[in-house]
Amino acid sequence: MEDDVHVSSDQIVTEFNTYEEFLGSQITSLDLFYLEDEEVARQLVELGYRGSGEILKREDFEAKKQAIEASRLANRMHQKTLASAGKQLQDTFLKALADREDDNRKGNLNTIIFLRTYNTRGQEVSAYIDFAHRLQTEDWELYFSGRKKILPKISDLSYYNWKTQRTTFSPTPYYQVITDNRDGILFKNKKDRKILNVDPKAQSPGEDSVRISVNSSIYLQVALYDHFSRQKT
């Protein structure tokens, strides 16, 4: 029974812009005939003496109205922060990133992208990219809209130019780079301190992590390492 009242209250707040409009909807023609004053009729409805439906207190109406408006605003603001929102994505890789954008922004997921492609000079380059960090430092609407190509950078976790053989390693706010490992490069998540092994031959990329190979019509090779981060206590 309480659930029915709650739903009805939400419907009232959604239907009427102001509390006065709601009170007016409760007044019958008979009320106006006897009272001859609409304002008095509204006051009696508010006090619970008149009304043809559920009586909702003014403070409850205002509180629900503010909560609904706050939720709408939050949703609009959230949609604006998602660079992939509303984009018609054709490439499987970009679709996969769009699926992960929200969780990486919220910190529920820390995705590392392995990307191999050609740079603007036609040189083959590859990198391990901290997706969450790049989301914070770049305008990804350019990438999701197709106006710009995702390219490895020397500021990424790991960068390699296959022609010049230049190699760089750079930590990010989310990952530490471990290079003195005999089995290859490792990444340590700074939030839960779990190790992520990006060796494709490894039996597992590590605890709370998965590796996914992704086909792409734009890039030579793509793999995603999803780490579901948890705060270590």
C-alpha atoms as a PDB file:
ATOM      1  CA  MET A   1       0.000   0.000   0.000  1.00  0.00           C
ATOM      2  CA  GLU A   2       2.865   2.332   0.858  1.00  0.00           C
ATOM      3  CA  ASP A   3       4.444   1.673  -2.565  1.00  0.00           C
ATOM      4  CA  ASP A   4       1.212   2.806  -4.273  1.00  0.00           C
ATOM      5  CA  VAL A   5       1.290   6.107  -2.341  1.00  0.00           C
ATOM      6  CA  HIS A   6       4.927   6.664  -3.241  1.00  0.00           C
ATOM      7  CA  VAL A   7       4.307   6.117  -6.935  1.00  0.00           C
ATOM      8  CA  SER A   8       1.244   8.354  -6.856  1.00  0.00           C
ATOM      9  CA  SER A   9       3.221  11.119  -5.135  1.00  0.00           C
ATOM     10  CA  ASP A  10       5.935  10.992  -7.782  1.00  0.00           C
ATOM     11  CA  GLN A  11       3.316  11.156 -10.496  1.00  0.00           C
ATOM     12  CA  ILE A  12       1.776  14.221  -8.856  1.00  0.00           C
ATOM     13  CA  VAL A  13       5.118  16.023  -8.686  1.00  0.00           C
ATOM     14  CA  THR A  14       5.842  15.163 -12.314  1.00  0.00           C
ATOM     15  CA  GLU A  15       2.418  16.230 -13.563  1.00  0.00           C
ATOM     16  CA  PHE A  16       2.161  19.629 -11.824  1.00  0.00           C
ATOM     17  CA  ASN A  17       4.698  22.447 -12.066  1.00  0.00           C
ATOM     18  CA  THR A  18       3.707  24.093  -8.785  1.00  0.00           C
ATOM     19  CA  TYR A  19       2.020  23.069  -5.574  1.00  0.00           C
ATOM     20  CA  GLU A  20      -0.767  25.570  -6.258  1.00  0.00           C
ATOM     21  CA  GLU A  21      -1.528  23.783  -9.536  1.00  0.00           C
ATOM     22  CA  PHE A  22      -1.808  20.518  -7.636  1.00  0.00           C
ATOM     23  CA  LEU A  23      -4.142  22.053  -5.051  1.00  0.00           C
ATOM     24  CA  GLY A  24      -6.292  23.506  -7.823  1.00  0.00           C
ATOM     25  CA  SER A  25      -6.647  20.080  -9.403  1.00  0.00           C
ATOM     26  CA  GLN A  26      -8.179  18.792  -6.157  1.00  0.00           C
ATOM     27  CA  ILE A  27     -10.970  21.373  -6.099  1.00  0.00           C
ATOM     28  CA  THR A  28     -14.344  20.260  -7.382  1.00  0.00           C
ATOM     29  CA  SER A  29     -17.039  22.407  -8.913  1.00  0.00           C
ATOM     30  CA  LEU A  30     -19.132  21.736  -5.816  1.00  0.00           C
ATOM     31  CA  ASP A  31     -16.360  23.156  -3.612  1.00  0.00           C
ATOM     32  CA  LEU A  32     -16.337  26.362  -5.629  1.00  0.00           C
ATOM     33  CA  PHE A  33     -20.145  26.562  -5.526  1.00  0.00           C
ATOM     34  CA  TYR A  34     -20.252  26.544  -1.735  1.00  0.00           C
ATOM     35  CA  LEU A  35     -17.002  28.377  -0.954  1.00  0.00           C
ATOM     36  CA  GLU A  36     -17.136  30.916  -3.802  1.00  0.00           C
ATOM     37  CA  ASP A  37     -13.391  31.521  -3.399  1.00  0.00           C
ATOM     38  CA  GLU A  38     -10.747  29.429  -5.149  1.00  0.00           C
ATOM     39  CA  GLU A  39      -7.963  30.540  -2.789  1.00  0.00           C
ATOM     40  CA  VAL A  40      -9.940  29.446   0.250  1.00  0.00           C
ATOM     41  CA  ALA A  41     -10.687  26.151  -1.511  1.00  0.00           C
ATOM     42  CA  ARG A  42      -6.965  25.567  -2.116  1.00  0.00           C
ATOM     43  CA  GLN A  43      -6.203  26.289   1.544  1.00  0.00           C
ATOM     44  CA  LEU A  44      -8.822  23.778   2.662  1.00  0.00           C
ATOM     45  CA  VAL A  45      -7.347  21.162   0.311  1.00  0.00           C
ATOM     46  CA  GLU A  46      -3.880  21.811   1.755  1.00  0.00           C
ATOM     47  CA  LEU A  47      -5.267  21.399   5.281  1.00  0.00           C
ATOM     48  CA  GLY A  48      -6.906  18.142   4.256  1.00  0.00           C
ATOM     49  CA  TYR A  49     -10.517  19.243   4.560  1.00  0.00           C
ATOM     50  CA  ARG A  50     -11.243  19.147   0.831  1.00  0.00           C
ATOM     51  CA  GLY A  51      -9.841  17.221  -2.099  1.00  0.00           C
ATOM     52  CA  SER A  52     -10.729  14.568  -4.624  1.00  0.00           C
ATOM     53  CA  GLY A  53      -7.475  12.626  -4.486  1.00  0.00           C
ATOM     54  CA  GLU A  54      -4.282  12.061  -2.490  1.00  0.00           C
ATOM     55  CA  ILE A  55      -3.275  14.891  -0.158  1.00  0.00           C
ATOM     56  CA  LEU A  56       0.388  15.745  -0.499  1.00  0.00           C
ATOM     57  CA  LYS A  57       1.981  18.204   1.918  1.00  0.00           C
ATOM     58  CA  ARG A  58       3.642  21.296   0.484  1.00  0.00           C
ATOM     59  CA  GLU A  59       7.066  20.457   1.938  1.00  0.00           C
ATOM     60  CA  ASP A  60       6.880  16.931   0.502  1.00  0.00           C
ATOM     61  CA  PHE A  61       5.888  18.282  -2.911  1.00  0.00           C
ATOM     62  CA  GLU A  62       8.744  20.802  -2.932  1.00  0.00           C
ATOM     63  CA  ALA A  63      11.278  18.232  -1.744  1.00  0.00           C
ATOM     64  CA  LYS A  64      10.248  15.724  -4.423  1.00  0.00           C
ATOM     65  CA  LYS A  65      10.238  18.420  -7.085  1.00  0.00           C
ATOM     66  CA  GLN A  66      13.785  19.493  -6.157  1.00  0.00           C
ATOM     67  CA  ALA A  67      14.974  15.876  -6.127  1.00  0.00           C
ATOM     68  CA  ILE A  68      13.537  15.206  -9.592  1.00  0.00           C
ATOM     69  CA  GLU A  69      15.066  18.385 -11.025  1.00  0.00           C
ATOM     70  CA  ALA A  70      18.428  17.585  -9.438  1.00  0.00           C
ATOM     71  CA  SER A  71      18.337  14.111 -10.960  1.00  0.00           C
ATOM     72  CA  ARG A  72      17.507  15.503 -14.401  1.00  0.00           C
ATOM     73  CA  LEU A  73      20.338  18.011 -14.162  1.00  0.00           C
ATOM     74  CA  ALA A  74      22.787  15.343 -13.035  1.00  0.00           C
ATOM     75  CA  ASN A  75      21.807  13.129 -15.966  1.00  0.00           C
ATOM     76  CA  ARG A  76      22.273  15.978 -18.436  1.00  0.00           C
ATOM     77  CA  MET A  77      25.656  16.862 -16.972  1.00  0.00           C
ATOM     78  CA  HIS A  78      26.716  13.209 -17.038  1.00  0.00           C
ATOM     79  CA  GLN A  79      25.754  12.868 -20.686  1.00  0.00           C
ATOM     80  CA  LYS A  80      27.858  15.938 -21.481  1.00  0.00           C
ATOM     81  CA  THR A  81      30.922  14.377 -19.842  1.00  0.00           C
ATOM     82  CA  LEU A  82      30.665  11.238 -21.994  1.00  0.00           C
ATOM     83  CA  ALA A  83      32.520  12.005 -25.192  1.00  0.00           C
ATOM     84  CA  SER A  84      31.002   8.932 -26.857  1.00  0.00           C
ATOM     85  CA  ALA A  85      27.386   9.924 -26.112  1.00  0.00           C
ATOM     86  CA  GLY A  86      25.277  10.170 -29.243  1.00  0.00           C
ATOM     87  CA  LYS A  87      28.084   9.112 -31.583  1.00  0.00           C
ATOM     88  CA  GLN A  88      27.398   6.679 -34.443  1.00  0.00           C
ATOM     89  CA  LEU A  89      30.369   4.350 -34.017  1.00  0.00           C
ATOM     90  CA  GLN A  90      31.271   1.880 -36.752  1.00  0.00           C
ATOM     91  CA  ASP A  91      34.677   0.601 -35.643  1.00  0.00           C
ATOM     92  CA  THR A  92      34.576  -2.257 -33.129  1.00  0.00           C
ATOM     93  CA  PHE A  93      37.470  -0.791 -31.176  1.00  0.00           C
ATOM     94  CA  LEU A  94      35.782   2.589 -30.721  1.00  0.00           C
ATOM     95  CA  LYS A  95      32.569   0.849 -29.691  1.00  0.00           C
ATOM     96  CA  ALA A  96      34.505  -1.110 -27.068  1.00  0.00           C
ATOM     97  CA  LEU A  97      36.025   2.096 -25.705  1.00  0.00           C
ATOM     98  CA  ALA A  98      32.612   3.765 -25.631  1.00  0.00           C
ATOM     99  CA  ASP A  99      31.303   0.847 -23.554  1.00  0.00           C
ATOM    100  CA  ARG A 100      34.122   1.430 -21.060  1.00  0.00           C
ATOM    101  CA  GLU A 101      34.191   5.229 -20.990  1.00  0.00           C
ATOM    102  CA  ASP A 102      31.718   5.740 -18.155  1.00  0.00           C
ATOM    103  CA  ASP A 103      33.320   3.177 -15.805  1.00  0.00           C
ATOM    104  CA  ASN A 104      36.809   4.517 -16.501  1.00  0.00           C
ATOM    105  CA  ARG A 105      35.682   8.063 -15.729  1.00  0.00           C
ATOM    106  CA  LYS A 106      34.036   6.900 -12.497  1.00  0.00           C
ATOM    107  CA  GLY A 107      37.053   4.838 -11.444  1.00  0.00           C
ATOM    108  CA  ASN A 108      35.219   1.513 -11.381  1.00  0.00           C
ATOM    109  CA  LEU A 109      37.441   0.274 -14.180  1.00  0.00           C
ATOM    110  CA  ASN A 110      41.027   1.020 -15.208  1.00  0.00           C
ATOM    111  CA  THR A 111      41.515  -0.044 -18.818  1.00  0.00           C
ATOM    112  CA  ILE A 112      44.905  -0.276 -20.469  1.00  0.00           C
ATOM    113  CA  ILE A 113      44.833  -0.171 -24.260  1.00  0.00           C
ATOM    114  CA  PHE A 114      47.500  -1.884 -26.308  1.00  0.00           C
ATOM    115  CA  LEU A 115      47.518  -0.101 -29.641  1.00  0.00           C
ATOM    116  CA  ARG A 116      49.672  -0.714 -32.718  1.00  0.00           C
ATOM    117  CA  THR A 117      49.279   1.581 -35.719  1.00  0.00           C
ATOM    118  CA  TYR A 118      51.092   3.990 -38.045  1.00  0.00           C
ATOM    119  CA  ASN A 119      51.960   7.532 -36.999  1.00  0.00           C
ATOM    120  CA  THR A 120      51.693  10.610 -39.221  1.00  0.00           C
ATOM    121  CA  ARG A 121      55.137   9.808 -40.709  1.00  0.00           C
ATOM    122  CA  GLY A 122      54.070   6.330 -41.736  1.00  0.00           C
ATOM    123  CA  GLN A 123      56.167   4.712 -38.999  1.00  0.00           C
ATOM    124  CA  GLU A 124      54.790   1.767 -37.097  1.00  0.00           C
ATOM    125  CA  VAL A 125      54.332   2.644 -33.432  1.00  0.00           C
ATOM    126  CA  SER A 126      52.737   0.922 -30.469  1.00  0.00           C
ATOM    127  CA  ALA A 127      51.882   1.796 -26.895  1.00  0.00           C
ATOM    128  CA  TYR A 128      50.195   0.716 -23.715  1.00  0.00           C
ATOM    129  CA  ILE A 129      47.735   3.521 -23.025  1.00  0.00           C
ATOM    130  CA  ASP A 130      46.079   4.345 -19.709  1.00  0.00           C
ATOM    131  CA  PHE A 131      42.553   4.997 -20.973  1.00  0.00           C
ATOM    132  CA  ALA A 132      41.310   6.722 -17.798  1.00  0.00           C
ATOM    133  CA  HIS A 133      44.277   9.097 -17.781  1.00  0.00           C
ATOM    134  CA  ARG A 134      43.869   9.961 -21.454  1.00  0.00           C
ATOM    135  CA  LEU A 135      40.155  10.620 -20.885  1.00  0.00           C
ATOM    136  CA  GLN A 136      41.096  13.246 -18.326  1.00  0.00           C
ATOM    137  CA  THR A 137      43.769  14.934 -20.417  1.00  0.00           C
ATOM    138  CA  GLU A 138      42.294  14.898 -23.926  1.00  0.00           C
ATOM    139  CA  ASP A 139      39.097  15.753 -25.762  1.00  0.00           C
ATOM    140  CA  TRP A 140      37.866  12.288 -26.728  1.00  0.00           C
ATOM    141  CA  GLU A 141      34.932  13.633 -28.659  1.00  0.00           C
ATOM    142  CA  LEU A 142      37.459  14.196 -31.447  1.00  0.00           C
ATOM    143  CA  TYR A 143      38.308  10.481 -31.434  1.00  0.00           C
ATOM    144  CA  PHE A 144      34.760   9.162 -31.123  1.00  0.00           C
ATOM    145  CA  SER A 145      33.533  11.476 -33.855  1.00  0.00           C
ATOM    146  CA  GLY A 146      36.299  10.274 -36.206  1.00  0.00           C
ATOM    147  CA  ARG A 147      37.878  13.711 -36.556  1.00  0.00           C
ATOM    148  CA  LYS A 148      41.113  12.511 -34.977  1.00  0.00           C
ATOM    149  CA  LYS A 149      42.960   9.202 -34.878  1.00  0.00           C
ATOM    150  CA  ILE A 150      44.155   7.713 -31.599  1.00  0.00           C
ATOM    151  CA  LEU A 151      47.954   7.617 -31.691  1.00  0.00           C
ATOM    152  CA  PRO A 152      50.542   6.279 -29.249  1.00  0.00           C
ATOM    153  CA  LYS A 153      52.432   8.990 -27.356  1.00  0.00           C
ATOM    154  CA  ILE A 154      55.759   9.064 -25.569  1.00  0.00           C
ATOM    155  CA  SER A 155      53.802  10.075 -22.463  1.00  0.00           C
ATOM    156  CA  ASP A 156      51.849   6.803 -22.478  1.00  0.00           C
ATOM    157  CA  LEU A 157      52.649   4.000 -20.054  1.00  0.00           C
ATOM    158  CA  SER A 158      54.880   2.414 -22.678  1.00  0.00           C
ATOM    159  CA  TYR A 159      55.742   3.676 -26.161  1.00  0.00           C
ATOM    160  CA  TYR A 160      57.737   2.022 -28.926  1.00  0.00           C
ATOM    161  CA  ASN A 161      58.662   3.216 -32.415  1.00  0.00           C
ATOM    162  CA  TRP A 162      59.390   0.173 -34.558  1.00  0.00           C
ATOM    163  CA  LYS A 163      61.498   2.126 -37.049  1.00  0.00           C
ATOM    164  CA  THR A 164      63.644   4.250 -34.739  1.00  0.00           C
ATOM    165  CA  GLN A 165      63.424   1.698 -31.890  1.00  0.00           C
ATOM    166  CA  ARG A 166      62.747   4.514 -29.467  1.00  0.00           C
ATOM    167  CA  THR A 167      61.237   3.249 -26.211  1.00  0.00           C
ATOM    168  CA  THR A 168      59.781   5.271 -23.344  1.00  0.00           C
ATOM    169  CA  PHE A 169      58.038   4.402 -20.075  1.00  0.00           C
ATOM    170  CA  SER A 170      55.887   6.851 -18.154  1.00  0.00           C
ATOM    171  CA  PRO A 171      53.832   6.292 -14.994  1.00  0.00           C
ATOM    172  CA  THR A 172      50.338   7.745 -14.783  1.00  0.00           C
ATOM    173  CA  PRO A 173      48.097   8.657 -11.834  1.00  0.00           C
ATOM    174  CA  TYR A 174      46.601   5.157 -12.053  1.00  0.00           C
ATOM    175  CA  TYR A 175      49.501   2.888 -12.942  1.00  0.00           C
ATOM    176  CA  GLN A 176      53.132   2.375 -12.034  1.00  0.00           C
ATOM    177  CA  VAL A 177      55.416   0.850 -14.696  1.00  0.00           C
ATOM    178  CA  ILE A 178      57.597  -2.117 -13.725  1.00  0.00           C
ATOM    179  CA  THR A 179      60.345  -2.744 -16.267  1.00  0.00           C
ATOM    180  CA  ASP A 180      62.772  -4.918 -14.276  1.00  0.00           C
ATOM    181  CA  ASN A 181      60.743  -8.064 -14.704  1.00  0.00           C
ATOM    182  CA  ARG A 182      62.283 -10.986 -16.578  1.00  0.00           C
ATOM    183  CA  ASP A 183      58.935 -11.921 -18.118  1.00  0.00           C
ATOM    184  CA  GLY A 184      58.371  -8.476 -19.588  1.00  0.00           C
ATOM    185  CA  ILE A 185      56.721  -5.216 -18.664  1.00  0.00           C
ATOM    186  CA  LEU A 186      54.189  -5.114 -15.815  1.00  0.00           C
ATOM    187  CA  PHE A 187      51.802  -2.436 -14.609  1.00  0.00           C
ATOM    188  CA  LYS A 188      50.903  -1.932 -10.950  1.00  0.00           C
ATOM    189  CA  ASN A 189      47.536  -0.379 -10.220  1.00  0.00           C
ATOM    190  CA  LYS A 190      48.029   2.459  -7.735  1.00  0.00           C
ATOM    191  CA  LYS A 191      44.554   2.112  -6.238  1.00  0.00           C
ATOM    192  CA  ASP A 192      44.597  -1.543  -5.160  1.00  0.00           C
ATOM    193  CA  ARG A 193      48.280  -2.298  -5.916  1.00  0.00           C
ATOM    194  CA  LYS A 194      47.375  -5.333  -8.032  1.00  0.00           C
ATOM    195  CA  ILE A 195      49.811  -6.319 -10.805  1.00  0.00           C
ATOM    196  CA  LEU A 196      48.634  -6.429 -14.412  1.00  0.00           C
ATOM    197  CA  ASN A 197      50.630  -8.665 -16.753  1.00  0.00           C
ATOM    198  CA  VAL A 198      50.199  -7.626 -20.390  1.00  0.00           C
ATOM    199  CA  ASP A 199      52.154 -10.546 -21.846  1.00  0.00           C
ATOM    200  CA  PRO A 200      49.672 -12.174 -24.293  1.00  0.00           C
ATOM    201  CA  LYS A 201      51.285 -15.552 -23.558  1.00  0.00           C
ATOM    202  CA  ALA A 202      50.596 -15.256 -19.828  1.00  0.00           C
ATOM    203  CA  GLN A 203      47.973 -17.626 -18.462  1.00  0.00           C
ATOM    204  CA  SER A 204      46.163 -14.651 -16.921  1.00  0.00           C
ATOM    205  CA  PRO A 205      46.715 -10.883 -16.921  1.00  0.00           C
ATOM    206  CA  GLY A 206      46.292 -10.914 -13.146  1.00  0.00           C
ATOM    207  CA  GLU A 207      43.755 -10.773 -10.364  1.00  0.00           C
ATOM    208  CA  ASP A 208      40.586  -8.807 -11.200  1.00  0.00           C
ATOM    209  CA  SER A 209      41.834  -8.338 -14.760  1.00  0.00           C
ATOM    210  CA  VAL A 210      40.868  -9.659 -18.179  1.00  0.00           C
ATOM    211  CA  ARG A 211      42.458  -9.388 -21.626  1.00  0.00           C
ATOM    212  CA  ILE A 212      40.323  -8.894 -24.726  1.00  0.00           C
ATOM    213  CA  SER A 213      41.555  -8.826 -28.313  1.00  0.00           C
ATOM    214  CA  VAL A 214      39.569  -6.408 -30.449  1.00  0.00           C
ATOM    215  CA  ASN A 215      39.326  -6.277 -34.228  1.00  0.00           C
ATOM    216  CA  SER A 216      39.601  -2.852 -35.805  1.00  0.00           C
ATOM    217  CA  SER A 217      39.215  -1.538 -39.325  1.00  0.00           C
ATOM    218  CA  ILE A 218      41.379   1.482 -38.451  1.00  0.00           C
ATOM    219  CA  TYR A 219      44.271   0.156 -36.352  1.00  0.00           C
ATOM    220  CA  LEU A 220      46.772  -2.673 -36.932  1.00  0.00           C
ATOM    221  CA  GLN A 221      46.334  -4.370 -33.578  1.00  0.00           C
ATOM    222  CA  VAL A 222      44.290  -3.681 -30.471  1.00  0.00           C
ATOM    223  CA  ALA A 223      43.974  -5.396 -27.110  1.00  0.00           C
ATOM    224  CA  LEU A 224      42.169  -4.188 -24.012  1.00  0.00           C
ATOM    225  CA  TYR A 225      43.224  -5.014 -20.462  1.00  0.00           C
ATOM    226  CA  ASP A 226      40.321  -4.335 -18.114  1.00  0.00           C
ATOM    227  CA  HIS A 227      41.230  -4.077 -14.448  1.00  0.00           C
ATOM    228  CA  PHE A 228      38.323  -3.889 -12.025  1.00  0.00           C
ATOM    229  CA  SER A 229      40.003  -1.827  -9.372  1.00  0.00           C
ATOM    230  CA  ARG A 230      39.192  -2.100  -5.699  1.00  0.00           C
ATOM    231  CA  GLN A 231      40.570   0.093  -2.936  1.00  0.00           C
ATOM    232  CA  LYS A 232      42.985  -1.947  -0.859  1.00  0.00           C
ATOM    233  CA  THR A 233      42.446  -1.615   2.879  1.00  0.00           C
END
